[in-house]
PDB file of N, CA and C in Angstrom:
ATOM      1  N   UNK A   1      -2.727  -1.794  -1.598  1.00  0.00           N
ATOM      2  CA  UNK A   1      -1.544  -1.034  -1.275  1.00  0.00           C
ATOM      3  C   UNK A   1      -1.410  -0.968   0.242  1.00  0.00           C
ATOM      4  N   UNK A   2      -0.195  -1.208   0.724  1.00  0.00           N
ATOM      5  CA  UNK A   2       0.058  -1.188   2.160  1.00  0.00           C
ATOM      6  C   UNK A   2       1.259  -0.290   2.436  1.00  0.00           C
ATOM      7  N   UNK A   3       1.160   0.583   3.422  1.00  0.00           N
ATOM      8  CA  UNK A   3       2.245   1.505   3.769  1.00  0.00           C
ATOM      9  C   UNK A   3       2.664   1.244   5.213  1.00  0.00           C
ATOM     10  N   UNK A   4       4.003   1.106   5.412  1.00  0.00           N
ATOM     11  CA  UNK A   4       4.535   0.832   6.753  1.00  0.00           C
ATOM     12  C   UNK A   4       5.819   1.611   6.976  1.00  0.00           C
ATOM     13  N   UNK A   5       6.101   1.893   8.223  1.00  0.00           N
ATOM     14  CA  UNK A   5       7.387   2.476   8.596  1.00  0.00           C
ATOM     15  C   UNK A   5       8.460   1.413   8.400  1.00  0.00           C
ATOM     16  N   UNK A   6       9.656   1.809   7.903  1.00  0.00           N
ATOM     17  CA  UNK A   6      10.686   0.805   7.663  1.00  0.00           C
ATOM     18  C   UNK A   6      12.092   1.377   7.788  1.00  0.00           C
ATOM     19  N   UNK A   7      13.060   0.463   7.795  1.00  0.00           N
ATOM     20  CA  UNK A   7      14.480   0.762   7.750  1.00  0.00           C
ATOM     21  C   UNK A   7      14.996   0.227   6.421  1.00  0.00           C
ATOM     22  N   UNK A   8      15.918   0.954   5.798  1.00  0.00           N
ATOM     23  CA  UNK A   8      16.441   0.572   4.490  1.00  0.00           C
ATOM     24  C   UNK A   8      17.939   0.313   4.604  1.00  0.00           C
ATOM     25  N   UNK A   9      18.416  -0.757   3.953  1.00  0.00           N
ATOM     26  CA  UNK A   9      19.830  -1.117   3.945  1.00  0.00           C
ATOM     27  C   UNK A   9      20.551  -0.299   2.880  1.00  0.00           C
ATOM     28  N   UNK A  10      21.584   0.449   3.308  1.00  0.00           N
ATOM     29  CA  UNK A  10      22.414   1.245   2.412  1.00  0.00           C
ATOM     30  C   UNK A  10      23.805   0.636   2.339  1.00  0.00           C
ATOM     31  N   UNK A  11      24.303   0.473   1.138  1.00  0.00           N
ATOM     32  CA  UNK A  11      25.663  -0.025   0.930  1.00  0.00           C
ATOM     33  C   UNK A  11      26.618   1.115   1.248  1.00  0.00           C
ATOM     34  N   UNK A  12      27.694   0.818   1.965  1.00  0.00           N
ATOM     35  CA  UNK A  12      28.664   1.828   2.360  1.00  0.00           C
ATOM     36  C   UNK A  12      29.409   2.426   1.179  1.00  0.00           C
ATOM     37  N   UNK A  13      29.969   3.584   1.424  1.00  0.00           N
ATOM     38  CA  UNK A  13      30.741   4.286   0.409  1.00  0.00           C
ATOM     39  C   UNK A  13      32.176   4.471   0.856  1.00  0.00           C
ATOM     40  N   UNK A  14      32.825   5.472   0.340  1.00  0.00           N
ATOM     41  CA  UNK A  14      34.228   5.714   0.654  1.00  0.00           C
ATOM     42  C   UNK A  14      34.460   6.034   2.121  1.00  0.00           C
ATOM     43  N   UNK A  15      33.584   6.829   2.721  1.00  0.00           N
ATOM     44  CA  UNK A  15      33.804   7.283   4.092  1.00  0.00           C
ATOM     45  C   UNK A  15      32.777   6.766   5.093  1.00  0.00           C
ATOM     46  N   UNK A  16      31.984   5.780   4.694  1.00  0.00           N
ATOM     47  CA  UNK A  16      30.979   5.260   5.620  1.00  0.00           C
ATOM     48  C   UNK A  16      30.774   3.766   5.392  1.00  0.00           C
ATOM     49  N   UNK A  17      30.302   3.105   6.442  1.00  0.00           N
ATOM     50  CA  UNK A  17      30.074   1.663   6.357  1.00  0.00           C
ATOM     51  C   UNK A  17      28.633   1.390   5.932  1.00  0.00           C
ATOM     52  N   UNK A  18      28.373   0.165   5.502  1.00  0.00           N
ATOM     53  CA  UNK A  18      27.003  -0.245   5.172  1.00  0.00           C
ATOM     54  C   UNK A  18      26.188  -0.245   6.453  1.00  0.00           C
ATOM     55  N   UNK A  19      24.897   0.116   6.337  1.00  0.00           N
ATOM     56  CA  UNK A  19      24.086   0.240   7.555  1.00  0.00           C
ATOM     57  C   UNK A  19      22.605   0.336   7.220  1.00  0.00           C
ATOM     58  N   UNK A  20      21.780   0.128   8.244  1.00  0.00           N
ATOM     59  CA  UNK A  20      20.347   0.340   8.149  1.00  0.00           C
ATOM     60  C   UNK A  20      20.057   1.800   8.471  1.00  0.00           C
ATOM     61  N   UNK A  21      19.159   2.426   7.712  1.00  0.00           N
ATOM     62  CA  UNK A  21      18.760   3.815   7.945  1.00  0.00           C
ATOM     63  C   UNK A  21      17.246   3.833   8.144  1.00  0.00           C
ATOM     64  N   UNK A  22      16.799   4.439   9.225  1.00  0.00           N
ATOM     65  CA  UNK A  22      15.378   4.498   9.544  1.00  0.00           C
ATOM     66  C   UNK A  22      14.698   5.742   9.023  1.00  0.00           C
ATOM     67  N   UNK A  23      13.410   5.854   9.320  1.00  0.00           N
ATOM     68  CA  UNK A  23      12.641   7.033   8.959  1.00  0.00           C
ATOM     69  C   UNK A  23      11.976   6.965   7.596  1.00  0.00           C
ATOM     70  N   UNK A  24      11.960   5.807   6.969  1.00  0.00           N
ATOM     71  CA  UNK A  24      11.356   5.645   5.657  1.00  0.00           C
ATOM     72  C   UNK A  24       9.938   5.101   5.782  1.00  0.00           C
ATOM     73  N   UNK A  25       9.145   5.314   4.743  1.00  0.00           N
ATOM     74  CA  UNK A  25       7.845   4.694   4.577  1.00  0.00           C
ATOM     75  C   UNK A  25       7.953   3.738   3.401  1.00  0.00           C
ATOM     76  N   UNK A  26       7.498   2.515   3.568  1.00  0.00           N
ATOM     77  CA  UNK A  26       7.517   1.509   2.507  1.00  0.00           C
ATOM     78  C   UNK A  26       6.093   1.258   2.036  1.00  0.00           C
ATOM     79  N   UNK A  27       5.900   1.278   0.728  1.00  0.00           N
ATOM     80  CA  UNK A  27       4.595   1.012   0.148  1.00  0.00           C
ATOM     81  C   UNK A  27       4.713  -0.186  -0.782  1.00  0.00           C
ATOM     82  N   UNK A  28       3.902  -1.202  -0.520  1.00  0.00           N
ATOM     83  CA  UNK A  28       3.856  -2.357  -1.416  1.00  0.00           C
ATOM     84  C   UNK A  28       2.586  -2.257  -2.247  1.00  0.00           C
ATOM     85  N   UNK A  29       2.731  -2.576  -3.517  1.00  0.00           N
ATOM     86  CA  UNK A  29       1.600  -2.542  -4.440  1.00  0.00           C
ATOM     87  C   UNK A  29       1.825  -3.603  -5.510  1.00  0.00           C
ATOM     88  N   UNK A  30       1.133  -3.480  -6.620  1.00  0.00           N
ATOM     89  CA  UNK A  30       1.221  -4.483  -7.679  1.00  0.00           C
ATOM     90  C   UNK A  30       2.532  -4.397  -8.469  1.00  0.00           C
ATOM     91  N   UNK A  31       3.270  -3.302  -8.341  1.00  0.00           N
ATOM     92  CA  UNK A  31       4.518  -3.140  -9.082  1.00  0.00           C
ATOM     93  C   UNK A  31       5.645  -3.938  -8.442  1.00  0.00           C
ATOM     94  N   UNK A  32       6.699  -4.134  -9.186  1.00  0.00           N
ATOM     95  CA  UNK A  32       7.873  -4.884  -8.726  1.00  0.00           C
ATOM     96  C   UNK A  32       8.606  -4.119  -7.626  1.00  0.00           C
ATOM     97  N   UNK A  33       9.044  -4.812  -6.568  1.00  0.00           N
ATOM     98  CA  UNK A  33       9.797  -4.193  -5.484  1.00  0.00           C
ATOM     99  C   UNK A  33       8.912  -3.441  -4.504  1.00  0.00           C
ATOM    100  N   UNK A  34       9.561  -2.593  -3.702  1.00  0.00           N
ATOM    101  CA  UNK A  34       8.886  -1.810  -2.663  1.00  0.00           C
ATOM    102  C   UNK A  34       9.231  -0.345  -2.878  1.00  0.00           C
ATOM    103  N   UNK A  35       8.232   0.512  -2.866  1.00  0.00           N
ATOM    104  CA  UNK A  35       8.446   1.948  -3.002  1.00  0.00           C
ATOM    105  C   UNK A  35       8.832   2.489  -1.631  1.00  0.00           C
ATOM    106  N   UNK A  36      10.003   3.154  -1.550  1.00  0.00           N
ATOM    107  CA  UNK A  36      10.418   3.762  -0.281  1.00  0.00           C
ATOM    108  C   UNK A  36      10.392   5.276  -0.424  1.00  0.00           C
ATOM    109  N   UNK A  37       9.966   5.935   0.664  1.00  0.00           N
ATOM    110  CA  UNK A  37       9.861   7.391   0.669  1.00  0.00           C
ATOM    111  C   UNK A  37      10.402   7.936   1.973  1.00  0.00           C
ATOM    112  N   UNK A  38      11.076   9.083   1.865  1.00  0.00           N
ATOM    113  CA  UNK A  38      11.675   9.759   3.014  1.00  0.00           C
ATOM    114  C   UNK A  38      11.825  11.219   2.609  1.00  0.00           C
ATOM    115  N   UNK A  39      11.560  12.158   3.521  1.00  0.00           N
ATOM    116  CA  UNK A  39      11.664  13.570   3.151  1.00  0.00           C
ATOM    117  C   UNK A  39      13.068  13.989   2.695  1.00  0.00           C
ATOM    118  N   UNK A  40      14.107  13.305   3.162  1.00  0.00           N
ATOM    119  CA  UNK A  40      15.472  13.686   2.821  1.00  0.00           C
ATOM    120  C   UNK A  40      16.056  12.971   1.615  1.00  0.00           C
ATOM    121  N   UNK A  41      15.283  12.080   0.992  1.00  0.00           N
ATOM    122  CA  UNK A  41      15.751  11.297  -0.148  1.00  0.00           C
ATOM    123  C   UNK A  41      14.689  11.341  -1.245  1.00  0.00           C
ATOM    124  N   UNK A  42      15.094  11.047  -2.471  1.00  0.00           N
ATOM    125  CA  UNK A  42      14.090  10.950  -3.540  1.00  0.00           C
ATOM    126  C   UNK A  42      13.390   9.593  -3.423  1.00  0.00           C
ATOM    127  N   UNK A  43      12.158   9.514  -3.877  1.00  0.00           N
ATOM    128  CA  UNK A  43      11.419   8.256  -3.861  1.00  0.00           C
ATOM    129  C   UNK A  43      12.145   7.241  -4.740  1.00  0.00           C
ATOM    130  N   UNK A  44      12.135   5.990  -4.309  1.00  0.00           N
ATOM    131  CA  UNK A  44      12.814   4.939  -5.067  1.00  0.00           C
ATOM    132  C   UNK A  44      12.060   3.628  -4.896  1.00  0.00           C
ATOM    133  N   UNK A  45      12.224   2.750  -5.861  1.00  0.00           N
ATOM    134  CA  UNK A  45      11.645   1.403  -5.789  1.00  0.00           C
ATOM    135  C   UNK A  45      12.823   0.442  -5.661  1.00  0.00           C
ATOM    136  N   UNK A  46      12.830  -0.333  -4.563  1.00  0.00           N
ATOM    137  CA  UNK A  46      13.959  -1.207  -4.250  1.00  0.00           C
ATOM    138  C   UNK A  46      13.483  -2.642  -4.033  1.00  0.00           C
ATOM    139  N   UNK A  47      14.404  -3.616  -4.132  1.00  0.00           N
ATOM    140  CA  UNK A  47      14.048  -5.005  -3.837  1.00  0.00           C
ATOM    141  C   UNK A  47      13.649  -5.154  -2.360  1.00  0.00           C
ATOM    142  N   UNK A  48      12.775  -6.090  -2.080  1.00  0.00           N
ATOM    143  CA  UNK A  48      12.268  -6.259  -0.713  1.00  0.00           C
ATOM    144  C   UNK A  48      13.347  -6.661   0.291  1.00  0.00           C
ATOM    145  N   UNK A  49      14.458  -7.299  -0.151  1.00  0.00           N
ATOM    146  CA  UNK A  49      15.497  -7.687   0.805  1.00  0.00           C
ATOM    147  C   UNK A  49      16.203  -6.463   1.398  1.00  0.00           C
ATOM    148  N   UNK A  50      16.027  -5.268   0.805  1.00  0.00           N
ATOM    149  CA  UNK A  50      16.672  -4.057   1.323  1.00  0.00           C
ATOM    150  C   UNK A  50      15.893  -3.372   2.431  1.00  0.00           C
ATOM    151  N   UNK A  51      14.693  -3.851   2.770  1.00  0.00           N
ATOM    152  CA  UNK A  51      13.914  -3.190   3.817  1.00  0.00           C
ATOM    153  C   UNK A  51      13.515  -4.166   4.918  1.00  0.00           C
ATOM    154  N   UNK A  52      13.282  -3.598   6.089  1.00  0.00           N
ATOM    155  CA  UNK A  52      12.702  -4.345   7.198  1.00  0.00           C
ATOM    156  C   UNK A  52      11.739  -3.419   7.929  1.00  0.00           C
ATOM    157  N   UNK A  53      10.657  -3.984   8.430  1.00  0.00           N
ATOM    158  CA  UNK A  53       9.677  -3.191   9.170  1.00  0.00           C
ATOM    159  C   UNK A  53       9.880  -3.314  10.679  1.00  0.00           C
ATOM    160  N   UNK A  54      10.878  -4.099  11.061  1.00  0.00           N
ATOM    161  CA  UNK A  54      11.228  -4.271  12.472  1.00  0.00           C
ATOM    162  C   UNK A  54      12.612  -3.654  12.679  1.00  0.00           C
ATOM    163  N   UNK A  55      12.738  -2.788  13.672  1.00  0.00           N
ATOM    164  CA  UNK A  55      14.026  -2.136  13.897  1.00  0.00           C
ATOM    165  C   UNK A  55      15.119  -3.174  14.145  1.00  0.00           C
ATOM    166  N   UNK A  56      16.200  -3.130  13.362  1.00  0.00           N
ATOM    167  CA  UNK A  56      17.294  -4.088  13.548  1.00  0.00           C
ATOM    168  C   UNK A  56      17.993  -3.890  14.897  1.00  0.00           C
ATOM    169  N   UNK A  57      18.389  -4.994  15.533  1.00  0.00           N
ATOM    170  CA  UNK A  57      19.138  -4.910  16.792  1.00  0.00           C
ATOM    171  C   UNK A  57      20.510  -4.291  16.550  1.00  0.00           C
ATOM    172  N   UNK A  58      21.118  -4.647  15.428  1.00  0.00           N
ATOM    173  CA  UNK A  58      22.440  -4.133  15.054  1.00  0.00           C
ATOM    174  C   UNK A  58      22.296  -3.409  13.723  1.00  0.00           C
ATOM    175  N   UNK A  59      22.440  -2.085  13.740  1.00  0.00           N
ATOM    176  CA  UNK A  59      22.239  -1.296  12.528  1.00  0.00           C
ATOM    177  C   UNK A  59      23.318  -1.515  11.467  1.00  0.00           C
ATOM    178  N   UNK A  60      24.373  -2.249  11.814  1.00  0.00           N
ATOM    179  CA  UNK A  60      25.427  -2.525  10.835  1.00  0.00           C
ATOM    180  C   UNK A  60      25.433  -3.988  10.371  1.00  0.00           C
ATOM    181  N   UNK A  61      24.516  -4.807  10.881  1.00  0.00           N
ATOM    182  CA  UNK A  61      24.421  -6.212  10.463  1.00  0.00           C
ATOM    183  C   UNK A  61      23.649  -6.286   9.152  1.00  0.00           C
ATOM    184  N   UNK A  62      24.186  -6.966   8.144  1.00  0.00           N
ATOM    185  CA  UNK A  62      23.517  -7.015   6.839  1.00  0.00           C
ATOM    186  C   UNK A  62      22.206  -7.793   6.889  1.00  0.00           C
ATOM    187  N   UNK A  63      21.325  -7.513   5.940  1.00  0.00           N
ATOM    188  CA  UNK A  63      20.033  -8.212   5.915  1.00  0.00           C
ATOM    189  C   UNK A  63      20.170  -9.650   5.443  1.00  0.00           C
ATOM    190  N   UNK A  64      19.206 -10.479   5.813  1.00  0.00           N
ATOM    191  CA  UNK A  64      19.121 -11.829   5.257  1.00  0.00           C
ATOM    192  C   UNK A  64      18.817 -11.679   3.775  1.00  0.00           C
ATOM    193  N   UNK A  65      19.441 -12.496   2.957  1.00  0.00           N
ATOM    194  CA  UNK A  65      19.180 -12.430   1.527  1.00  0.00           C
ATOM    195  C   UNK A  65      19.951 -11.335   0.811  1.00  0.00           C
ATOM    196  N   UNK A  66      20.948 -10.758   1.480  1.00  0.00           N
ATOM    197  CA  UNK A  66      21.752  -9.702   0.863  1.00  0.00           C
ATOM    198  C   UNK A  66      22.286 -10.176  -0.479  1.00  0.00           C
ATOM    199  N   UNK A  67      22.058  -9.384  -1.515  1.00  0.00           N
ATOM    200  CA  UNK A  67      22.503  -9.717  -2.861  1.00  0.00           C
ATOM    201  C   UNK A  67      23.418  -8.604  -3.350  1.00  0.00           C
ATOM    202  N   UNK A  68      24.721  -8.742  -3.106  1.00  0.00           N
ATOM    203  CA  UNK A  68      25.683  -7.696  -3.485  1.00  0.00           C
ATOM    204  C   UNK A  68      25.699  -7.414  -4.973  1.00  0.00           C
ATOM    205  N   UNK A  69      25.295  -8.408  -5.789  1.00  0.00           N
ATOM    206  CA  UNK A  69      25.344  -8.215  -7.226  1.00  0.00           C
ATOM    207  C   UNK A  69      24.160  -7.387  -7.755  1.00  0.00           C
ATOM    208  N   UNK A  70      23.156  -7.187  -6.927  1.00  0.00           N
ATOM    209  CA  UNK A  70      22.047  -6.327  -7.323  1.00  0.00           C
ATOM    210  C   UNK A  70      20.818  -7.120  -7.714  1.00  0.00           C
ATOM    211  N   UNK A  71      19.810  -6.454  -8.205  1.00  0.00           N
ATOM    212  CA  UNK A  71      19.756  -4.998  -8.375  1.00  0.00           C
ATOM    213  C   UNK A  71      19.548  -4.297  -7.031  1.00  0.00           C
ATOM    214  N   UNK A  72      20.090  -3.113  -6.907  1.00  0.00           N
ATOM    215  CA  UNK A  72      19.940  -2.324  -5.690  1.00  0.00           C
ATOM    216  C   UNK A  72      18.737  -1.395  -5.785  1.00  0.00           C
ATOM    217  N   UNK A  73      18.317  -1.130  -7.008  1.00  0.00           N
ATOM    218  CA  UNK A  73      17.186  -0.239  -7.231  1.00  0.00           C
ATOM    219  C   UNK A  73      16.526  -0.605  -8.555  1.00  0.00           C
ATOM    220  N   UNK A  74      15.218  -0.496  -8.614  1.00  0.00           N
ATOM    221  CA  UNK A  74      14.471  -0.711  -9.862  1.00  0.00           C
ATOM    222  C   UNK A  74      14.151   0.648 -10.455  1.00  0.00           C
ATOM    223  N   UNK A  75      14.140   0.730 -11.750  1.00  0.00           N
ATOM    224  CA  UNK A  75      13.816   2.023 -12.406  1.00  0.00           C
ATOM    225  C   UNK A  75      12.484   1.970 -13.078  1.00  0.00           C
TER     226      UNK A  75
END
């Protein structure tokens, strides 16, 4: 198991644009995807293309491998 600080890609909504959000911890383990944790959000398991461990130069530039069709979250 490995835990790192990361930024997570959020798809925009009605009043906001898509963007990277920092302050998360990413944990990789034997399970599918990456577990992300943040005090202001519930824990979630997401595909690896939604996270980066290097601060993005442009917080509104989409990630490489962006898959709009999903899945956006694993249950």
